[in-house]
Amino acid sequence: MNKAEIFDNDFKELARFAKAISHPARLAILKYLAETKTCISGDISECIPLSRSTVSQHLKELRDLGLIHGEIDGLKVNYCLCSSNIEKYLKLFDNFFGPISKQNFECIKTK
């Protein structure tokens, strides 16, 4: 038995989401796509200060989780945010952290 199997599906989904957004380049890509408010056709590496192959690897991670879509249009790929999946992961994130953030606790340092 894989140890991850003992955890709730929401925990596993939230962990996959956290892993996907744990790299600053992926956050930059998501931010860029969100700020453009449209699908981007062509080479995103022109806007992200990384090599084309590195950007492609990060795009793949985001696509695999379903945070973005990449559709081929001739010789170019159109990249778009997938709003429904982003909303799903934000809801999972909020469901997890909401109750924690509402707790009234004080962190006590130990010597």
PDB file of N, CA and C in Angstrom:
ATOM      1  N   MET A   1       0.839  -1.188   0.000  1.00  0.00           N
ATOM      2  CA  MET A   1       0.000   0.000   0.000  1.00  0.00           C
ATOM      3  C   MET A   1       0.881   1.247   0.000  1.00  0.00           C
ATOM      4  N   ASN A   2       0.575   2.158  -0.889  1.00  0.00           N
ATOM      5  CA  ASN A   2       1.242   3.453  -0.961  1.00  0.00           C
ATOM      6  C   ASN A   2       0.743   4.301   0.205  1.00  0.00           C
ATOM      7  N   LYS A   3       1.653   4.940   0.926  1.00  0.00           N
ATOM      8  CA  LYS A   3       1.250   5.724   2.096  1.00  0.00           C
ATOM      9  C   LYS A   3       0.295   6.849   1.739  1.00  0.00           C
ATOM     10  N   ALA A   4       0.405   7.387   0.520  1.00  0.00           N
ATOM     11  CA  ALA A   4      -0.500   8.463   0.095  1.00  0.00           C
ATOM     12  C   ALA A   4      -1.939   7.968   0.014  1.00  0.00           C
ATOM     13  N   GLU A   5      -2.133   6.650  -0.179  1.00  0.00           N
ATOM     14  CA  GLU A   5      -3.475   6.095  -0.314  1.00  0.00           C
ATOM     15  C   GLU A   5      -4.297   6.216   0.962  1.00  0.00           C
ATOM     16  N   ILE A   6      -3.655   6.387   2.099  1.00  0.00           N
ATOM     17  CA  ILE A   6      -4.397   6.468   3.358  1.00  0.00           C
ATOM     18  C   ILE A   6      -5.043   7.835   3.567  1.00  0.00           C
ATOM     19  N   PHE A   7      -4.711   8.801   2.714  1.00  0.00           N
ATOM     20  CA  PHE A   7      -5.231  10.153   2.875  1.00  0.00           C
ATOM     21  C   PHE A   7      -6.470  10.388   2.015  1.00  0.00           C
ATOM     22  N   ASP A   8      -7.286  11.291   2.469  1.00  0.00           N
ATOM     23  CA  ASP A   8      -8.502  11.722   1.799  1.00  0.00           C
ATOM     24  C   ASP A   8      -8.174  12.220   0.386  1.00  0.00           C
ATOM     25  N   ASN A   9      -9.083  12.008  -0.559  1.00  0.00           N
ATOM     26  CA  ASN A   9      -8.868  12.446  -1.941  1.00  0.00           C
ATOM     27  C   ASN A   9      -8.664  13.952  -2.039  1.00  0.00           C
ATOM     28  N   ASP A  10      -9.381  14.725  -1.219  1.00  0.00           N
ATOM     29  CA  ASP A  10      -9.199  16.176  -1.229  1.00  0.00           C
ATOM     30  C   ASP A  10      -7.779  16.551  -0.823  1.00  0.00           C
ATOM     31  N   PHE A  11      -7.221  15.844   0.151  1.00  0.00           N
ATOM     32  CA  PHE A  11      -5.834  16.102   0.566  1.00  0.00           C
ATOM     33  C   PHE A  11      -4.869  15.814  -0.579  1.00  0.00           C
ATOM     34  N   LYS A  12      -5.118  14.705  -1.278  1.00  0.00           N
ATOM     35  CA  LYS A  12      -4.231  14.341  -2.383  1.00  0.00           C
ATOM     36  C   LYS A  12      -4.335  15.357  -3.520  1.00  0.00           C
ATOM     37  N   GLU A  13      -5.550  15.809  -3.836  1.00  0.00           N
ATOM     38  CA  GLU A  13      -5.736  16.823  -4.875  1.00  0.00           C
ATOM     39  C   GLU A  13      -5.070  18.135  -4.475  1.00  0.00           C
ATOM     40  N   LEU A  14      -5.243  18.524  -3.225  1.00  0.00           N
ATOM     41  CA  LEU A  14      -4.646  19.762  -2.738  1.00  0.00           C
ATOM     42  C   LEU A  14      -3.120  19.677  -2.786  1.00  0.00           C
ATOM     43  N   ALA A  15      -2.569  18.524  -2.472  1.00  0.00           N
ATOM     44  CA  ALA A  15      -1.114  18.331  -2.532  1.00  0.00           C
ATOM     45  C   ALA A  15      -0.617  18.426  -3.977  1.00  0.00           C
ATOM     46  N   ARG A  16      -1.363  17.863  -4.934  1.00  0.00           N
ATOM     47  CA  ARG A  16      -0.975  17.968  -6.349  1.00  0.00           C
ATOM     48  C   ARG A  16      -0.999  19.430  -6.809  1.00  0.00           C
ATOM     49  N   PHE A  17      -2.024  20.148  -6.377  1.00  0.00           N
ATOM     50  CA  PHE A  17      -2.133  21.571  -6.709  1.00  0.00           C
ATOM     51  C   PHE A  17      -0.961  22.346  -6.117  1.00  0.00           C
ATOM     52  N   ALA A  18      -0.673  22.103  -4.845  1.00  0.00           N
ATOM     53  CA  ALA A  18       0.421  22.814  -4.184  1.00  0.00           C
ATOM     54  C   ALA A  18       1.755  22.519  -4.867  1.00  0.00           C
ATOM     55  N   LYS A  19       1.947  21.283  -5.275  1.00  0.00           N
ATOM     56  CA  LYS A  19       3.188  20.928  -5.965  1.00  0.00           C
ATOM     57  C   LYS A  19       3.289  21.657  -7.307  1.00  0.00           C
ATOM     58  N   ALA A  20       2.170  21.735  -8.019  1.00  0.00           N
ATOM     59  CA  ALA A  20       2.179  22.383  -9.338  1.00  0.00           C
ATOM     60  C   ALA A  20       2.472  23.871  -9.241  1.00  0.00           C
ATOM     61  N   ILE A  21       1.999  24.519  -8.193  1.00  0.00           N
ATOM     62  CA  ILE A  21       2.218  25.964  -8.078  1.00  0.00           C
ATOM     63  C   ILE A  21       3.415  26.298  -7.197  1.00  0.00           C
ATOM     64  N   SER A  22       4.180  25.281  -6.816  1.00  0.00           N
ATOM     65  CA  SER A  22       5.300  25.509  -5.895  1.00  0.00           C
ATOM     66  C   SER A  22       6.535  26.114  -6.561  1.00  0.00           C
ATOM     67  N   HIS A  23       6.533  26.221  -7.864  1.00  0.00           N
ATOM     68  CA  HIS A  23       7.686  26.792  -8.554  1.00  0.00           C
ATOM     69  C   HIS A  23       7.362  28.210  -9.007  1.00  0.00           C
ATOM     70  N   PRO A  24       8.265  29.166  -8.755  1.00  0.00           N
ATOM     71  CA  PRO A  24       8.004  30.560  -9.142  1.00  0.00           C
ATOM     72  C   PRO A  24       7.741  30.744 -10.645  1.00  0.00           C
ATOM     73  N   ALA A  25       8.361  29.940 -11.480  1.00  0.00           N
ATOM     74  CA  ALA A  25       8.129  30.066 -12.923  1.00  0.00           C
ATOM     75  C   ALA A  25       6.685  29.726 -13.272  1.00  0.00           C
ATOM     76  N   ARG A  26       6.126  28.721 -12.604  1.00  0.00           N
ATOM     77  CA  ARG A  26       4.740  28.343 -12.875  1.00  0.00           C
ATOM     78  C   ARG A  26       3.789  29.430 -12.393  1.00  0.00           C
ATOM     79  N   LEU A  27       4.109  30.031 -11.255  1.00  0.00           N
ATOM     80  CA  LEU A  27       3.302  31.151 -10.771  1.00  0.00           C
ATOM     81  C   LEU A  27       3.368  32.315 -11.754  1.00  0.00           C
ATOM     82  N   ALA A  28       4.556  32.573 -12.292  1.00  0.00           N
ATOM     83  CA  ALA A  28       4.728  33.659 -13.265  1.00  0.00           C
ATOM     84  C   ALA A  28       3.917  33.393 -14.524  1.00  0.00           C
ATOM     85  N   ILE A  29       3.898  32.159 -14.964  1.00  0.00           N
ATOM     86  CA  ILE A  29       3.128  31.795 -16.153  1.00  0.00           C
ATOM     87  C   ILE A  29       1.637  31.996 -15.896  1.00  0.00           C
ATOM     88  N   LEU A  30       1.151  31.516 -14.760  1.00  0.00           N
ATOM     89  CA  LEU A  30      -0.259  31.687 -14.419  1.00  0.00           C
ATOM     90  C   LEU A  30      -0.624  33.166 -14.316  1.00  0.00           C
ATOM     91  N   LYS A  31       0.248  33.937 -13.675  1.00  0.00           N
ATOM     92  CA  LYS A  31      -0.001  35.370 -13.522  1.00  0.00           C
ATOM     93  C   LYS A  31      -0.038  36.054 -14.893  1.00  0.00           C
ATOM     94  N   TYR A  32       0.907  35.698 -15.730  1.00  0.00           N
ATOM     95  CA  TYR A  32       0.964  36.288 -17.074  1.00  0.00           C
ATOM     96  C   TYR A  32      -0.313  35.984 -17.860  1.00  0.00           C
ATOM     97  N   LEU A  33      -0.741  34.727 -17.833  1.00  0.00           N
ATOM     98  CA  LEU A  33      -1.959  34.352 -18.558  1.00  0.00           C
ATOM     99  C   LEU A  33      -3.179  35.066 -17.967  1.00  0.00           C
ATOM    100  N   ALA A  34      -3.216  35.221 -16.652  1.00  0.00           N
ATOM    101  CA  ALA A  34      -4.341  35.904 -16.015  1.00  0.00           C
ATOM    102  C   ALA A  34      -4.351  37.388 -16.367  1.00  0.00           C
ATOM    103  N   GLU A  35      -3.182  38.007 -16.407  1.00  0.00           N
ATOM    104  CA  GLU A  35      -3.105  39.441 -16.703  1.00  0.00           C
ATOM    105  C   GLU A  35      -3.450  39.756 -18.154  1.00  0.00           C
ATOM    106  N   THR A  36      -3.172  38.842 -19.060  1.00  0.00           N
ATOM    107  CA  THR A  36      -3.476  39.092 -20.466  1.00  0.00           C
ATOM    108  C   THR A  36      -4.967  38.957 -20.752  1.00  0.00           C
ATOM    109  N   LYS A  37      -5.682  38.243 -19.883  1.00  0.00           N
ATOM    110  CA  LYS A  37      -7.130  38.063 -19.988  1.00  0.00           C
ATOM    111  C   LYS A  37      -7.565  37.491 -21.338  1.00  0.00           C
ATOM    112  N   THR A  38      -6.682  36.731 -21.939  1.00  0.00           N
ATOM    113  CA  THR A  38      -7.004  36.091 -23.215  1.00  0.00           C
ATOM    114  C   THR A  38      -6.072  34.898 -23.394  1.00  0.00           C
ATOM    115  N   CYS A  39      -6.325  34.109 -24.399  1.00  0.00           N
ATOM    116  CA  CYS A  39      -5.417  33.018 -24.727  1.00  0.00           C
ATOM    117  C   CYS A  39      -4.189  33.598 -25.409  1.00  0.00           C
ATOM    118  N   ILE A  40      -3.054  33.016 -25.131  1.00  0.00           N
ATOM    119  CA  ILE A  40      -1.797  33.474 -25.709  1.00  0.00           C
ATOM    120  C   ILE A  40      -1.395  32.511 -26.807  1.00  0.00           C
ATOM    121  N   SER A  41      -1.154  33.049 -27.958  1.00  0.00           N
ATOM    122  CA  SER A  41      -0.722  32.243 -29.083  1.00  0.00           C
ATOM    123  C   SER A  41       0.755  32.507 -29.316  1.00  0.00           C
ATOM    124  N   GLY A  42       1.522  31.440 -29.396  1.00  0.00           N
ATOM    125  CA  GLY A  42       2.942  31.611 -29.684  1.00  0.00           C
ATOM    126  C   GLY A  42       3.815  31.262 -28.503  1.00  0.00           C
ATOM    127  N   ASP A  43       4.936  31.925 -28.433  1.00  0.00           N
ATOM    128  CA  ASP A  43       5.995  31.576 -27.506  1.00  0.00           C
ATOM    129  C   ASP A  43       5.914  32.396 -26.211  1.00  0.00           C
ATOM    130  N   ILE A  44       5.497  31.754 -25.142  1.00  0.00           N
ATOM    131  CA  ILE A  44       5.404  32.427 -23.844  1.00  0.00           C
ATOM    132  C   ILE A  44       6.787  32.760 -23.300  1.00  0.00           C
ATOM    133  N   SER A  45       7.810  32.044 -23.735  1.00  0.00           N
ATOM    134  CA  SER A  45       9.161  32.303 -23.230  1.00  0.00           C
ATOM    135  C   SER A  45       9.655  33.702 -23.606  1.00  0.00           C
ATOM    136  N   GLU A  46       8.981  34.359 -24.548  1.00  0.00           N
ATOM    137  CA  GLU A  46       9.336  35.747 -24.856  1.00  0.00           C
ATOM    138  C   GLU A  46       8.937  36.686 -23.723  1.00  0.00           C
ATOM    139  N   CYS A  47       7.995  36.245 -22.886  1.00  0.00           N
ATOM    140  CA  CYS A  47       7.490  37.077 -21.793  1.00  0.00           C
ATOM    141  C   CYS A  47       7.955  36.596 -20.422  1.00  0.00           C
ATOM    142  N   ILE A  48       8.450  35.387 -20.334  1.00  0.00           N
ATOM    143  CA  ILE A  48       8.962  34.810 -19.084  1.00  0.00           C
ATOM    144  C   ILE A  48      10.474  34.666 -19.271  1.00  0.00           C
ATOM    145  N   PRO A  49      11.268  35.186 -18.345  1.00  0.00           N
ATOM    146  CA  PRO A  49      12.727  35.204 -18.555  1.00  0.00           C
ATOM    147  C   PRO A  49      13.420  33.841 -18.361  1.00  0.00           C
ATOM    148  N   LEU A  50      12.940  32.851 -19.102  1.00  0.00           N
ATOM    149  CA  LEU A  50      13.529  31.518 -19.054  1.00  0.00           C
ATOM    150  C   LEU A  50      13.639  30.982 -20.475  1.00  0.00           C
ATOM    151  N   SER A  51      14.434  29.950 -20.631  1.00  0.00           N
ATOM    152  CA  SER A  51      14.579  29.356 -21.965  1.00  0.00           C
ATOM    153  C   SER A  51      13.267  28.720 -22.406  1.00  0.00           C
ATOM    154  N   ARG A  52      13.124  28.567 -23.700  1.00  0.00           N
ATOM    155  CA  ARG A  52      11.918  27.977 -24.279  1.00  0.00           C
ATOM    156  C   ARG A  52      11.685  26.566 -23.737  1.00  0.00           C
ATOM    157  N   SER A  53      12.740  25.773 -23.615  1.00  0.00           N
ATOM    158  CA  SER A  53      12.563  24.394 -23.128  1.00  0.00           C
ATOM    159  C   SER A  53      12.142  24.374 -21.660  1.00  0.00           C
ATOM    160  N   THR A  54      12.668  25.279 -20.854  1.00  0.00           N
ATOM    161  CA  THR A  54      12.286  25.345 -19.445  1.00  0.00           C
ATOM    162  C   THR A  54      10.836  25.774 -19.306  1.00  0.00           C
ATOM    163  N   VAL A  55      10.436  26.782 -20.070  1.00  0.00           N
ATOM    164  CA  VAL A  55       9.036  27.230 -20.045  1.00  0.00           C
ATOM    165  C   VAL A  55       8.130  26.086 -20.490  1.00  0.00           C
ATOM    166  N   SER A  56       8.528  25.345 -21.503  1.00  0.00           N
ATOM    167  CA  SER A  56       7.730  24.213 -21.986  1.00  0.00           C
ATOM    168  C   SER A  56       7.523  23.164 -20.904  1.00  0.00           C
ATOM    169  N   GLN A  57       8.556  22.894 -20.126  1.00  0.00           N
ATOM    170  CA  GLN A  57       8.434  21.918 -19.033  1.00  0.00           C
ATOM    171  C   GLN A  57       7.431  22.406 -17.989  1.00  0.00           C
ATOM    172  N   HIS A  58       7.480  23.688 -17.673  1.00  0.00           N
ATOM    173  CA  HIS A  58       6.550  24.236 -16.689  1.00  0.00           C
ATOM    174  C   HIS A  58       5.123  24.274 -17.242  1.00  0.00           C
ATOM    175  N   LEU A  59       4.976  24.585 -18.510  1.00  0.00           N
ATOM    176  CA  LEU A  59       3.656  24.560 -19.138  1.00  0.00           C
ATOM    177  C   LEU A  59       3.065  23.154 -19.077  1.00  0.00           C
ATOM    178  N   LYS A  60       3.907  22.152 -19.282  1.00  0.00           N
ATOM    179  CA  LYS A  60       3.446  20.758 -19.223  1.00  0.00           C
ATOM    180  C   LYS A  60       2.907  20.430 -17.836  1.00  0.00           C
ATOM    181  N   GLU A  61       3.610  20.844 -16.795  1.00  0.00           N
ATOM    182  CA  GLU A  61       3.151  20.588 -15.420  1.00  0.00           C
ATOM    183  C   GLU A  61       1.790  21.238 -15.176  1.00  0.00           C
ATOM    184  N   LEU A  62       1.635  22.466 -15.622  1.00  0.00           N
ATOM    185  CA  LEU A  62       0.372  23.179 -15.438  1.00  0.00           C
ATOM    186  C   LEU A  62      -0.753  22.547 -16.267  1.00  0.00           C
ATOM    187  N   ARG A  63      -0.409  22.094 -17.472  1.00  0.00           N
ATOM    188  CA  ARG A  63      -1.386  21.413 -18.332  1.00  0.00           C
ATOM    189  C   ARG A  63      -1.801  20.076 -17.734  1.00  0.00           C
ATOM    190  N   ASP A  64      -0.823  19.316 -17.222  1.00  0.00           N
ATOM    191  CA  ASP A  64      -1.121  17.996 -16.657  1.00  0.00           C
ATOM    192  C   ASP A  64      -2.114  18.083 -15.501  1.00  0.00           C
ATOM    193  N   LEU A  65      -2.040  19.160 -14.732  1.00  0.00           N
ATOM    194  CA  LEU A  65      -2.972  19.339 -13.623  1.00  0.00           C
ATOM    195  C   LEU A  65      -4.292  19.956 -14.088  1.00  0.00           C
ATOM    196  N   GLY A  66      -4.299  20.501 -15.280  1.00  0.00           N
ATOM    197  CA  GLY A  66      -5.517  21.097 -15.817  1.00  0.00           C
ATOM    198  C   GLY A  66      -5.693  22.560 -15.471  1.00  0.00           C
ATOM    199  N   LEU A  67      -4.612  23.217 -15.036  1.00  0.00           N
ATOM    200  CA  LEU A  67      -4.711  24.642 -14.729  1.00  0.00           C
ATOM    201  C   LEU A  67      -4.700  25.490 -15.988  1.00  0.00           C
ATOM    202  N   ILE A  68      -4.114  24.953 -17.066  1.00  0.00           N
ATOM    203  CA  ILE A  68      -4.110  25.638 -18.355  1.00  0.00           C
ATOM    204  C   ILE A  68      -4.470  24.636 -19.448  1.00  0.00           C
ATOM    205  N   HIS A  69      -4.890  25.173 -20.574  1.00  0.00           N
ATOM    206  CA  HIS A  69      -5.121  24.388 -21.786  1.00  0.00           C
ATOM    207  C   HIS A  69      -4.093  24.831 -22.805  1.00  0.00           C
ATOM    208  N   GLY A  70      -3.612  23.917 -23.588  1.00  0.00           N
ATOM    209  CA  GLY A  70      -2.743  24.250 -24.703  1.00  0.00           C
ATOM    210  C   GLY A  70      -3.291  23.599 -25.949  1.00  0.00           C
ATOM    211  N   GLU A  71      -3.857  24.390 -26.832  1.00  0.00           N
ATOM    212  CA  GLU A  71      -4.454  23.853 -28.053  1.00  0.00           C
ATOM    213  C   GLU A  71      -3.629  24.260 -29.254  1.00  0.00           C
ATOM    214  N   ILE A  72      -3.364  23.291 -30.122  1.00  0.00           N
ATOM    215  CA  ILE A  72      -2.555  23.544 -31.303  1.00  0.00           C
ATOM    216  C   ILE A  72      -3.391  24.274 -32.347  1.00  0.00           C
ATOM    217  N   ASP A  73      -2.815  25.351 -32.881  1.00  0.00           N
ATOM    218  CA  ASP A  73      -3.462  26.145 -33.932  1.00  0.00           C
ATOM    219  C   ASP A  73      -2.418  26.366 -35.014  1.00  0.00           C
ATOM    220  N   GLY A  74      -2.391  25.461 -35.968  1.00  0.00           N
ATOM    221  CA  GLY A  74      -1.364  25.526 -37.008  1.00  0.00           C
ATOM    222  C   GLY A  74      -0.007  25.210 -36.414  1.00  0.00           C
ATOM    223  N   LEU A  75       0.924  26.156 -36.545  1.00  0.00           N
ATOM    224  CA  LEU A  75       2.264  25.955 -36.002  1.00  0.00           C
ATOM    225  C   LEU A  75       2.418  26.505 -34.589  1.00  0.00           C
ATOM    226  N   LYS A  76       1.368  27.128 -34.069  1.00  0.00           N
ATOM    227  CA  LYS A  76       1.432  27.733 -32.743  1.00  0.00           C
ATOM    228  C   LYS A  76       0.536  26.976 -31.772  1.00  0.00           C
ATOM    229  N   VAL A  77       0.775  27.216 -30.490  1.00  0.00           N
ATOM    230  CA  VAL A  77      -0.078  26.658 -29.453  1.00  0.00           C
ATOM    231  C   VAL A  77      -0.744  27.815 -28.731  1.00  0.00           C
ATOM    232  N   ASN A  78      -2.044  27.722 -28.532  1.00  0.00           N
ATOM    233  CA  ASN A  78      -2.785  28.730 -27.784  1.00  0.00           C
ATOM    234  C   ASN A  78      -2.888  28.258 -26.339  1.00  0.00           C
ATOM    235  N   TYR A  79      -2.379  29.057 -25.416  1.00  0.00           N
ATOM    236  CA  TYR A  79      -2.430  28.728 -23.998  1.00  0.00           C
ATOM    237  C   TYR A  79      -3.476  29.577 -23.305  1.00  0.00           C
ATOM    238  N   CYS A  80      -4.334  28.915 -22.536  1.00  0.00           N
ATOM    239  CA  CYS A  80      -5.402  29.595 -21.810  1.00  0.00           C
ATOM    240  C   CYS A  80      -5.478  29.043 -20.392  1.00  0.00           C
ATOM    241  N   LEU A  81      -5.926  29.890 -19.479  1.00  0.00           N
ATOM    242  CA  LEU A  81      -6.221  29.420 -18.133  1.00  0.00           C
ATOM    243  C   LEU A  81      -7.486  28.587 -18.171  1.00  0.00           C
ATOM    244  N   CYS A  82      -7.556  27.591 -17.349  1.00  0.00           N
ATOM    245  CA  CYS A  82      -8.760  26.778 -17.223  1.00  0.00           C
ATOM    246  C   CYS A  82      -9.469  27.215 -15.940  1.00  0.00           C
ATOM    247  N   SER A  83     -10.371  28.161 -16.083  1.00  0.00           N
ATOM    248  CA  SER A  83     -11.033  28.777 -14.932  1.00  0.00           C
ATOM    249  C   SER A  83     -11.743  27.770 -14.039  1.00  0.00           C
ATOM    250  N   SER A  84     -12.411  26.791 -14.623  1.00  0.00           N
ATOM    251  CA  SER A  84     -13.171  25.841 -13.803  1.00  0.00           C
ATOM    252  C   SER A  84     -12.240  25.026 -12.904  1.00  0.00           C
ATOM    253  N   ASN A  85     -11.104  24.595 -13.426  1.00  0.00           N
ATOM    254  CA  ASN A  85     -10.168  23.836 -12.588  1.00  0.00           C
ATOM    255  C   ASN A  85      -9.487  24.728 -11.562  1.00  0.00           C
ATOM    256  N   ILE A  86      -9.186  25.946 -11.938  1.00  0.00           N
ATOM    257  CA  ILE A  86      -8.590  26.875 -10.980  1.00  0.00           C
ATOM    258  C   ILE A  86      -9.567  27.113  -9.836  1.00  0.00           C
ATOM    259  N   GLU A  87     -10.840  27.313 -10.160  1.00  0.00           N
ATOM    260  CA  GLU A  87     -11.858  27.500  -9.119  1.00  0.00           C
ATOM    261  C   GLU A  87     -11.954  26.269  -8.216  1.00  0.00           C
ATOM    262  N   LYS A  88     -11.877  25.088  -8.818  1.00  0.00           N
ATOM    263  CA  LYS A  88     -11.947  23.845  -8.044  1.00  0.00           C
ATOM    264  C   LYS A  88     -10.806  23.788  -7.026  1.00  0.00           C
ATOM    265  N   TYR A  89      -9.586  24.091  -7.470  1.00  0.00           N
ATOM    266  CA  TYR A  89      -8.437  24.021  -6.564  1.00  0.00           C
ATOM    267  C   TYR A  89      -8.467  25.134  -5.522  1.00  0.00           C
ATOM    268  N   LEU A  90      -8.948  26.310  -5.902  1.00  0.00           N
ATOM    269  CA  LEU A  90      -9.065  27.395  -4.924  1.00  0.00           C
ATOM    270  C   LEU A  90     -10.084  27.042  -3.849  1.00  0.00           C
ATOM    271  N   LYS A  91     -11.148  26.360  -4.243  1.00  0.00           N
ATOM    272  CA  LYS A  91     -12.158  25.927  -3.273  1.00  0.00           C
ATOM    273  C   LYS A  91     -11.553  24.900  -2.312  1.00  0.00           C
ATOM    274  N   LEU A  92     -10.809  23.938  -2.851  1.00  0.00           N
ATOM    275  CA  LEU A  92     -10.134  22.958  -1.988  1.00  0.00           C
ATOM    276  C   LEU A  92      -9.192  23.652  -1.012  1.00  0.00           C
ATOM    277  N   PHE A  93      -8.442  24.620  -1.530  1.00  0.00           N
ATOM    278  CA  PHE A  93      -7.497  25.379  -0.717  1.00  0.00           C
ATOM    279  C   PHE A  93      -8.238  26.122   0.390  1.00  0.00           C
ATOM    280  N   ASP A  94      -9.337  26.775   0.041  1.00  0.00           N
ATOM    281  CA  ASP A  94     -10.114  27.531   1.013  1.00  0.00           C
ATOM    282  C   ASP A  94     -10.778  26.604   2.032  1.00  0.00           C
ATOM    283  N   ASN A  95     -11.295  25.459   1.572  1.00  0.00           N
ATOM    284  CA  ASN A  95     -11.909  24.494   2.496  1.00  0.00           C
ATOM    285  C   ASN A  95     -10.900  23.980   3.511  1.00  0.00           C
ATOM    286  N   PHE A  96      -9.655  23.847   3.093  1.00  0.00           N
ATOM    287  CA  PHE A  96      -8.626  23.362   3.999  1.00  0.00           C
ATOM    288  C   PHE A  96      -8.159  24.464   4.958  1.00  0.00           C
ATOM    289  N   PHE A  97      -7.800  25.628   4.377  1.00  0.00           N
ATOM    290  CA  PHE A  97      -7.215  26.687   5.207  1.00  0.00           C
ATOM    291  C   PHE A  97      -8.239  27.573   5.907  1.00  0.00           C
ATOM    292  N   GLY A  98      -9.474  27.636   5.407  1.00  0.00           N
ATOM    293  CA  GLY A  98     -10.500  28.469   6.029  1.00  0.00           C
ATOM    294  C   GLY A  98     -10.689  28.185   7.505  1.00  0.00           C
ATOM    295  N   PRO A  99     -10.982  26.935   7.883  1.00  0.00           N
ATOM    296  CA  PRO A  99     -11.163  26.631   9.303  1.00  0.00           C
ATOM    297  C   PRO A  99      -9.890  26.860  10.137  1.00  0.00           C
ATOM    298  N   ILE A 100      -8.755  26.622   9.538  1.00  0.00           N
ATOM    299  CA  ILE A 100      -7.491  26.817  10.261  1.00  0.00           C
ATOM    300  C   ILE A 100      -7.272  28.300  10.534  1.00  0.00           C
ATOM    301  N   SER A 101      -7.529  29.131   9.530  1.00  0.00           N
ATOM    302  CA  SER A 101      -7.274  30.563   9.690  1.00  0.00           C
ATOM    303  C   SER A 101      -8.253  31.222  10.652  1.00  0.00           C
ATOM    304  N   LYS A 102      -9.400  30.605  10.881  1.00  0.00           N
ATOM    305  CA  LYS A 102     -10.391  31.168  11.793  1.00  0.00           C
ATOM    306  C   LYS A 102     -10.139  30.772  13.244  1.00  0.00           C
ATOM    307  N   GLN A 103      -9.200  29.881  13.454  1.00  0.00           N
ATOM    308  CA  GLN A 103      -8.870  29.478  14.814  1.00  0.00           C
ATOM    309  C   GLN A 103      -8.175  30.628  15.526  1.00  0.00           C
ATOM    310  N   ASN A 104      -8.492  30.786  16.763  1.00  0.00           N
ATOM    311  CA  ASN A 104      -7.859  31.827  17.564  1.00  0.00           C
ATOM    312  C   ASN A 104      -6.790  31.157  18.420  1.00  0.00           C
ATOM    313  N   PHE A 105      -5.599  31.084  17.899  1.00  0.00           N
ATOM    314  CA  PHE A 105      -4.520  30.454  18.634  1.00  0.00           C
ATOM    315  C   PHE A 105      -3.299  31.348  18.612  1.00  0.00           C
ATOM    316  N   GLU A 106      -2.464  31.109  19.569  1.00  0.00           N
ATOM    317  CA  GLU A 106      -1.254  31.896  19.686  1.00  0.00           C
ATOM    318  C   GLU A 106      -0.064  30.978  19.634  1.00  0.00           C
ATOM    319  N   CYS A 107       0.881  31.320  18.815  1.00  0.00           N
ATOM    320  CA  CYS A 107       2.090  30.518  18.701  1.00  0.00           C
ATOM    321  C   CYS A 107       3.013  30.860  19.872  1.00  0.00           C
ATOM    322  N   ILE A 108       3.353  29.867  20.652  1.00  0.00           N
ATOM    323  CA  ILE A 108       4.212  30.084  21.812  1.00  0.00           C
ATOM    324  C   ILE A 108       5.575  29.506  21.511  1.00  0.00           C
ATOM    325  N   LYS A 109       6.582  30.346  21.623  1.00  0.00           N
ATOM    326  CA  LYS A 109       7.947  29.889  21.382  1.00  0.00           C
ATOM    327  C   LYS A 109       8.437  29.115  22.591  1.00  0.00           C
ATOM    328  N   THR A 110       9.133  28.030  22.312  1.00  0.00           N
ATOM    329  CA  THR A 110       9.736  27.250  23.401  1.00  0.00           C
ATOM    330  C   THR A 110      11.226  27.518  23.408  1.00  0.00           C
ATOM    331  N   LYS A 111      11.785  27.424  24.559  1.00  0.00           N
ATOM    332  CA  LYS A 111      13.226  27.669  24.680  1.00  0.00           C
ATOM    333  C   LYS A 111      14.042  26.466  24.367  1.00  0.00           C
TER     334      LYS A 111
END
